[in-house]
Protein backbone atom coordinates (compact mmCIF):
# COMPACT_ATOMS: atom_id res chain seq x y z
CA MET A 1 -9.27 -4.54 18.58
CA THR A 2 -11.50 -1.55 18.33
CA ILE A 3 -11.59 1.43 15.98
CA ALA A 4 -10.60 4.62 18.18
CA PRO A 5 -11.16 7.81 16.82
CA ILE A 6 -8.61 10.55 16.48
CA THR A 7 -9.81 13.80 15.58
CA GLY A 8 -8.01 16.18 13.12
CA VAL A 9 -7.53 19.55 13.98
CA SER A 10 -7.02 21.61 10.27
CA GLN A 11 -11.11 22.02 10.55
CA PRO A 12 -14.17 21.81 12.54
CA ASN A 13 -15.83 18.51 13.00
CA LEU A 14 -13.42 16.72 11.44
CA THR A 15 -13.03 12.58 12.65
CA ILE A 16 -10.45 10.84 11.45
CA PRO A 17 -10.99 7.03 12.46
CA VAL A 18 -8.06 5.32 12.87
CA THR A 19 -7.09 1.78 13.67
CA PRO A 20 -4.44 1.58 16.06
CA VAL A 21 -2.15 -1.73 17.13
CA ARG A 22 -3.02 -1.77 20.85
CA ALA A 23 -4.52 -4.18 23.10
CA VAL A 24 -8.08 -3.51 24.87
CA ALA A 25 -8.89 -3.93 28.36
CA ALA A 26 -12.18 -6.69 28.80
CA THR A 27 -13.56 -8.13 31.79
CA VAL A 28 -14.21 -11.86 31.77
CA HIS A 29 -15.72 -13.73 34.54
CA VAL A 30 -13.67 -17.29 34.18
CA SER A 31 -13.84 -20.48 36.61
CA THR A 32 -9.80 -20.64 36.16
CA PRO A 33 -6.89 -17.44 36.24
CA LEU A 34 -6.09 -16.56 33.13
CA PRO A 35 -1.73 -16.64 32.03
CA GLU A 36 -0.74 -13.64 31.95
CA LEU A 37 0.39 -12.32 28.33
CA ASN A 38 3.65 -9.85 28.08
CA PRO A 39 3.35 -7.02 26.04
CA ALA A 40 4.60 -8.47 22.69
CA GLN A 41 2.30 -11.47 23.05
CA ILE A 42 -0.62 -9.28 23.23
CA GLN A 43 0.51 -6.63 20.18
CA ALA A 44 1.23 -10.48 18.72
CA LEU A 45 -2.61 -11.44 19.44
CA ALA A 46 -3.93 -7.77 18.31
CA VAL A 47 -2.52 -8.05 15.09
CA ALA A 48 -3.29 -11.27 13.88
CA GLU A 49 -7.10 -10.30 14.95
CA VAL A 50 -6.16 -6.76 12.44
CA THR A 51 -4.33 -9.36 9.59
CA GLN A 52 -7.92 -11.90 9.37
CA THR A 53 -10.22 -8.78 9.35
CA ALA A 54 -7.94 -7.16 6.86
CA ALA A 55 -7.17 -10.17 4.17
CA ALA A 56 -10.64 -10.48 3.67
CA ARG A 57 -11.43 -7.52 2.84
CA GLN A 58 -8.25 -6.06 1.45
CA GLY A 59 -8.23 -5.03 -2.64
CA GLY A 60 -6.16 -2.71 -4.88
CA LEU A 61 -6.36 0.94 -5.03
CA ALA A 62 -6.23 1.23 -8.91
CA PRO A 63 -10.60 -0.09 -8.95
CA LEU A 64 -11.68 2.80 -6.57
CA ILE A 65 -9.14 5.57 -8.24
CA ALA A 66 -10.77 4.93 -11.91
CA ASP A 67 -14.22 5.19 -10.60
CA LEU A 68 -13.66 7.82 -8.24
CA ALA A 69 -12.71 9.81 -11.50
CA GLN A 70 -15.26 8.41 -13.36
CA ALA A 71 -17.94 9.68 -10.19
CA ALA A 72 -16.21 13.14 -9.90
CA GLU A 73 -16.26 13.33 -13.79
CA ASP A 74 -19.80 12.75 -13.88
CA GLN A 75 -21.12 14.79 -10.76
CA ILE A 76 -23.21 12.86 -9.03
CA LEU A 77 -21.02 13.13 -6.38
CA PRO A 78 -22.15 15.65 -3.29
CA GLY A 79 -20.09 18.20 -1.95
CA PRO A 80 -18.77 16.68 0.89
CA VAL A 81 -17.60 13.14 -1.01
CA ARG A 82 -16.63 15.38 -3.90
CA ASP A 83 -13.96 17.25 -1.49
CA ALA A 84 -13.03 13.91 -0.17
CA ALA A 85 -12.55 12.33 -3.82
CA VAL A 86 -10.39 15.02 -4.96
CA ARG A 87 -8.20 14.67 -2.12
CA VAL A 88 -7.16 10.98 -2.97
CA LEU A 89 -7.00 11.56 -6.61
CA ALA A 90 -4.32 14.04 -5.84
CA TYR A 91 -2.69 11.26 -5.26
CA ALA A 92 -2.40 9.24 -8.18
CA PRO A 93 0.08 11.07 -10.56
CA PRO A 94 -0.16 10.85 -14.21
CA LEU A 95 2.52 8.25 -15.01
CA THR A 96 5.45 9.86 -17.09
CA SER A 97 9.22 9.46 -17.97
CA GLN A 98 9.67 11.99 -15.40
CA VAL A 99 8.71 10.03 -12.33
CA GLY A 100 12.36 9.56 -10.53
CA ALA A 101 13.64 8.91 -6.81
CA PRO A 102 12.18 12.36 -5.56
CA ALA A 103 8.50 11.45 -6.72
CA VAL A 104 8.98 7.88 -5.17
CA ALA A 105 10.07 9.18 -1.61
CA LYS A 106 7.25 11.85 -1.94
CA ALA A 107 4.92 8.73 -1.99
CA MET A 108 6.03 6.78 0.43
CA ALA A 109 6.18 9.41 3.12
CA ARG A 110 2.88 10.20 2.34
CA SER A 111 1.75 6.97 1.59
CA GLY A 112 -0.38 6.28 4.93
CA LEU A 113 2.70 3.66 6.09
CA PHE A 114 3.17 6.63 9.18
CA LEU A 115 -0.02 7.97 9.57
CA GLU A 116 -0.51 6.63 13.14
CA ALA A 117 2.80 7.32 14.31
CA ASN A 118 3.11 11.19 12.94
CA LEU A 119 -0.03 11.62 15.19
CA ALA A 120 1.56 10.26 17.73
CA ALA A 121 4.46 12.29 17.42
CA ALA A 122 2.92 15.54 16.40
CA PRO A 123 -0.79 15.33 17.78
CA PHE A 124 -1.92 18.73 16.73
CA ALA A 125 -0.69 18.28 13.22
CA SER A 126 -3.57 17.54 10.31
CA PRO A 127 -2.60 14.92 8.01
CA VAL A 128 -5.57 15.86 5.63
CA GLY A 129 -3.65 16.55 1.96
CA GLN A 130 -0.14 14.98 3.47
CA ASP A 131 -1.28 11.54 3.88
CA LEU A 132 -3.18 8.82 1.55
CA LYS A 133 -4.44 6.16 4.41
CA ALA A 134 -5.83 10.12 5.84
CA GLY A 135 -7.69 10.68 2.90
CA LEU A 136 -9.47 7.44 2.62
CA LEU A 137 -10.31 7.35 6.05
CA ILE A 138 -12.04 10.70 5.16
CA LEU A 139 -14.03 9.45 2.81
CA ARG A 140 -15.40 7.00 4.00
CA GLN A 141 -16.56 9.00 6.46
CA ALA A 142 -17.85 10.93 3.86
CA LEU A 143 -19.49 8.20 1.51
CA SER A 144 -20.93 6.87 4.78
CA THR A 145 -22.55 9.80 5.77
CA TRP A 146 -23.82 10.07 2.27
CA ILE A 147 -25.78 6.86 2.01
CA GLY A 148 -26.96 6.54 5.44
CA ALA A 149 -28.81 3.60 6.23
CA ALA A 150 -28.72 1.95 2.58
CA PRO A 151 -27.53 -1.57 2.42
CA PRO A 152 -24.20 -2.71 1.30
CA ALA A 153 -23.45 -3.53 -2.21
CA GLN A 154 -22.86 -7.55 -3.01
CA GLY A 155 -19.88 -9.05 -4.65
CA ARG A 156 -16.85 -7.35 -6.25
CA LYS A 157 -16.52 -6.01 -9.22
CA SER A 158 -12.79 -6.21 -9.34
CA ALA A 159 -10.61 -9.15 -8.11
CA ALA A 160 -8.38 -8.73 -5.37
CA PRO A 161 -4.52 -8.89 -5.51
CA PRO A 162 -2.48 -11.07 -3.57
CA PRO A 163 -2.22 -9.42 0.06
CA PRO A 164 1.26 -7.78 0.67
CA TYR A 165 2.76 -9.90 3.56
CA ARG A 166 6.62 -9.47 5.03
CA ALA A 167 9.21 -10.29 3.24
CA GLY A 168 6.38 -11.63 0.28
CA GLY A 169 8.49 -9.44 -2.37
CA THR A 170 6.44 -7.12 -4.80
CA ARG A 171 3.87 -7.87 -7.19
CA VAL A 172 2.05 -5.63 -10.20
CA GLN A 173 -1.25 -4.66 -10.40
CA PRO A 174 -2.97 -4.80 -13.63
CA PRO A 175 -4.53 -1.10 -14.74
CA ALA A 176 -7.90 -0.74 -14.04
CA VAL A 177 -11.00 1.27 -16.01
CA SER A 178 -14.21 2.09 -14.48
CA LYS A 179 -17.09 -0.24 -14.26
CA LEU A 180 -20.01 2.31 -12.78
CA SER A 181 -22.85 1.78 -14.82
CA PRO A 182 -23.19 5.25 -16.75
CA GLY A 183 -26.84 6.88 -15.48
CA GLY A 184 -26.65 4.21 -12.50
CA SER A 185 -28.50 5.57 -9.18
CA PRO A 186 -26.09 7.60 -6.90
CA VAL A 187 -26.69 5.78 -3.77
CA ALA A 188 -25.79 2.78 -5.98
CA VAL A 189 -22.08 4.52 -7.14
CA GLY A 190 -22.48 5.47 -2.93
CA GLN A 191 -22.20 1.73 -2.06
CA GLU A 192 -19.77 0.60 -4.46
CA LEU A 193 -17.37 3.49 -4.09
CA LEU A 194 -17.57 2.78 -0.08
CA GLN A 195 -17.06 -1.01 -0.61
CA GLU A 196 -13.76 -0.01 -2.55
CA THR A 197 -12.80 2.29 0.01
CA GLU A 198 -13.29 -0.29 2.06
CA ALA A 199 -10.91 -2.59 0.24
CA ALA A 200 -8.06 -0.10 -0.02
CA LEU A 201 -8.24 0.69 3.74
CA GLY A 202 -7.78 -3.11 4.63
CA ARG A 203 -4.52 -3.78 2.08
CA GLN A 204 -3.12 -0.10 3.89
CA GLN A 205 -3.56 -2.04 7.06
CA LEU A 206 -1.45 -5.47 5.26
CA LEU A 207 0.91 -3.05 4.10
CA GLN A 208 1.44 -1.13 7.77
CA ILE A 209 1.92 -5.05 9.41
CA ALA A 210 4.08 -6.10 6.83
CA SER A 211 6.62 -3.43 8.31
CA LEU A 212 6.09 -3.74 11.66
CA PRO A 213 9.40 -4.53 13.30
CA VAL A 214 10.45 -8.66 14.00
CA GLU A 215 11.51 -8.80 17.51
CA SER A 216 13.49 -12.03 16.92
CA GLY A 217 15.19 -14.71 14.10
CA PRO A 218 16.96 -13.10 11.12
CA GLU A 219 14.64 -10.30 10.23
CA ALA A 220 15.22 -8.76 13.39
CA GLN A 221 18.06 -7.14 12.12
CA VAL A 222 16.31 -5.82 8.93
CA THR A 223 13.82 -2.76 8.64
CA ARG A 224 11.52 -2.82 5.80
CA TRP A 225 9.03 -0.49 4.67
CA MET A 226 6.16 -1.53 2.48
CA PHE A 227 3.72 0.80 0.24
CA GLU A 228 1.68 1.67 -3.21
CA MET A 229 1.86 4.39 -5.00
CA PRO A 230 -1.36 4.69 -7.33
CA PHE A 231 -0.82 6.37 -10.91
CA VAL A 232 -2.88 7.21 -14.12
CA THR A 233 -2.53 6.59 -17.07
CA PRO A 234 -4.23 6.63 -20.70
CA GLN A 235 -5.31 3.03 -20.11
CA GLY A 236 -6.48 3.37 -16.95
CA ALA A 237 -5.55 3.68 -13.50
CA GLY A 238 -2.58 1.60 -11.54
CA ALA A 239 -0.85 0.99 -8.95
CA ALA A 240 2.59 0.41 -8.12
CA GLN A 241 4.30 -1.84 -5.35
CA PHE A 242 7.40 -0.86 -3.69
CA GLU A 243 9.62 -2.34 -0.67
CA VAL A 244 12.36 -0.94 0.70
CA SER A 245 14.63 -2.42 3.33
CA ARG A 246 17.98 -2.15 5.20
CA ASP A 247 20.04 -5.42 6.57
CA ALA A 248 22.31 -3.37 9.63
CA ARG A 249 24.09 -6.93 10.38
CA GLY A 250 26.77 -5.37 9.02
CA GLU A 251 27.11 -2.32 11.10
CA THR A 252 28.95 -4.22 14.27
CA GLY A 253 31.39 -6.18 11.78
CA GLU A 254 33.60 -4.92 8.63
CA LEU A 255 30.76 -5.22 6.57
CA GLU A 256 28.71 -2.19 5.89
CA PRO A 257 25.17 -2.25 5.83
CA VAL A 258 22.71 -3.47 2.91
CA TRP A 259 20.14 -1.52 1.41
CA ARG A 260 17.80 -2.54 -0.83
CA ALA A 261 14.65 -1.58 -2.87
CA ALA A 262 11.92 -3.35 -5.29
CA PHE A 263 9.14 -2.21 -7.05
CA SER A 264 6.91 -3.90 -9.57
CA LEU A 265 4.60 -2.04 -12.06
CA ASP A 266 2.25 -2.96 -15.02
CA ALA A 267 1.80 -0.33 -17.19
CA GLU A 268 1.47 0.09 -21.40
CA PRO A 269 3.49 -0.65 -23.60
CA LEU A 270 5.66 -2.37 -21.16
CA GLY A 271 3.54 -4.69 -19.53
CA PRO A 272 4.63 -6.04 -16.06
CA ILE A 273 8.07 -4.91 -15.09
CA HIS A 274 9.44 -5.94 -11.95
CA ALA A 275 13.52 -4.08 -10.18
CA ARG A 276 15.59 -5.46 -7.59
CA VAL A 277 17.85 -3.49 -6.41
CA SER A 278 20.94 -3.59 -3.60
CA LEU A 279 23.50 -1.06 -2.36
CA THR A 280 26.37 -1.87 -0.30
CA GLY A 281 28.95 1.27 0.24
CA ALA A 282 29.51 2.01 -3.77
CA GLN A 283 28.59 -1.27 -4.81
CA ALA A 284 24.93 -1.56 -6.54
CA GLY A 285 23.44 -4.36 -8.25
CA VAL A 286 20.38 -4.14 -10.52
CA SER A 287 17.93 -6.82 -11.73
CA LEU A 288 15.16 -6.39 -14.03
CA TRP A 289 12.20 -8.66 -15.20
CA ALA A 290 10.07 -8.17 -18.06
CA GLU A 291 7.10 -10.55 -18.53
CA ARG A 292 6.16 -9.31 -22.41
CA ALA A 293 8.64 -9.19 -25.24
CA GLU A 294 8.25 -5.99 -25.46
CA GLY A 295 8.76 -4.96 -22.23
CA LEU A 296 11.65 -6.77 -22.47
CA GLU A 297 13.53 -5.72 -25.28
CA ARG A 298 12.96 -1.83 -24.23
CA LEU A 299 15.06 -2.85 -20.65
CA ARG A 300 17.64 -4.58 -23.00
CA ALA A 301 18.26 -1.59 -25.32
CA ASP A 302 18.56 0.91 -22.11
CA GLN A 303 20.56 -1.31 -19.92
CA ASP A 304 23.88 0.15 -21.27
CA LEU A 305 22.30 3.64 -20.22
CA LEU A 306 21.35 2.46 -17.01
CA THR A 307 25.09 1.18 -16.00
CA ALA A 308 26.90 4.16 -17.25
CA ALA A 309 24.07 6.58 -15.46
CA LEU A 310 25.17 4.69 -12.13
CA ALA A 311 29.01 5.09 -12.90
CA ALA A 312 27.65 8.85 -13.24
CA VAL A 313 26.89 8.58 -9.26
CA GLN A 314 29.92 6.66 -8.85
CA LEU A 315 28.50 3.40 -8.44
CA HIS A 316 29.67 0.26 -9.64
CA ALA A 317 26.67 -1.66 -11.22
CA GLU A 318 26.01 -5.47 -12.40
CA VAL A 319 22.83 -5.10 -14.42
CA ALA A 320 21.01 -7.98 -15.50
CA VAL A 321 18.07 -8.07 -17.33
CA HIS A 322 15.79 -11.13 -17.38
CA ALA A 323 12.74 -12.71 -18.95
CA GLY A 324 9.23 -13.67 -16.21
CA ALA A 325 8.98 -12.95 -13.29
CA PRO A 326 11.27 -12.46 -10.33
CA PRO A 327 10.86 -15.92 -7.69
CA THR A 328 9.00 -15.00 -4.92
CA ARG A 329 9.23 -15.87 -1.45
CA ALA A 330 5.85 -18.38 -0.26
CA PRO A 331 4.57 -17.29 2.64
CA GLU A 332 5.02 -19.56 5.48
CA ALA A 333 2.41 -22.21 6.74
CA GLY A 334 -0.60 -20.93 8.38
CA ARG A 335 -0.08 -17.14 7.14
CA LEU A 336 -3.08 -16.69 5.03
CA VAL A 337 -5.21 -18.94 3.67
CA ASP A 338 -8.12 -18.23 0.97
CA GLN A 339 -11.38 -19.21 2.50
CA THR A 340 -13.59 -17.94 -0.30
CA SER A 341 -12.28 -20.82 -2.76
């Protein structure tokens, strides 16, 4: 696996290094012939290599957003880094009651999930300002140029959220506030931001891998997209994790395909909230979970309003509210192993 540069076209001398999932030719001198691999095996090996690297460095978006906002406010970033930081911060809108389906659809389109596919389809169209992963790659490039050969920062200030994986469900990420030291050296700030940017890019790769199609088994009939939407609140920066899936097994029979959507977020005053929605024709099923008493009380108070809103768009819905968190599907043996503990 190599990192191949893809050059943007919106402004001169802009390079967006993108990690494509593809095989790399190599010369190997051995005494016995190597077995030939089919394209599916080559892709599986490439994905496994990227997954191992990304899982070791992945981290949440929230700490990066919080520290970028603080560093930009303190005006300690040089011009190119500040410009790149502002672009990334533009993907984290304030979380308000007005955030609806159009905002989520826009966040999905710009989440970074489709960066490589969009570049392949329109190689002369610049993703700058249109894609979160592209913004993170440009930020990493600007930070690397700024701090130059300074030694990397040691340790990670924020605990990394569980890495995403296919059909693993969505999980909450707690809000984050900036932990940059007031009056700290600019180089130290740059080192910390670079480390957090690398962690955010690692997580973006895992989300893309979790969204890859499966060639065989029941999951081959299911299309999944996993992405995250950063946001800011008065209590700090956060990120909501989403999963949208479509089960096409009903298309060849009498049953209609099933659409499912899920999300998890942690925001005051409700605390961690989870939603699981399924849609088959005009029949909808909605299950909501709240991990805090305040959130549970609010969801139950608005349960009838949600049912009425769905009925207004010709959907017959069954809405259920639960305490705690939804059950999650454990990864199969050997998928991800934490070697740091």
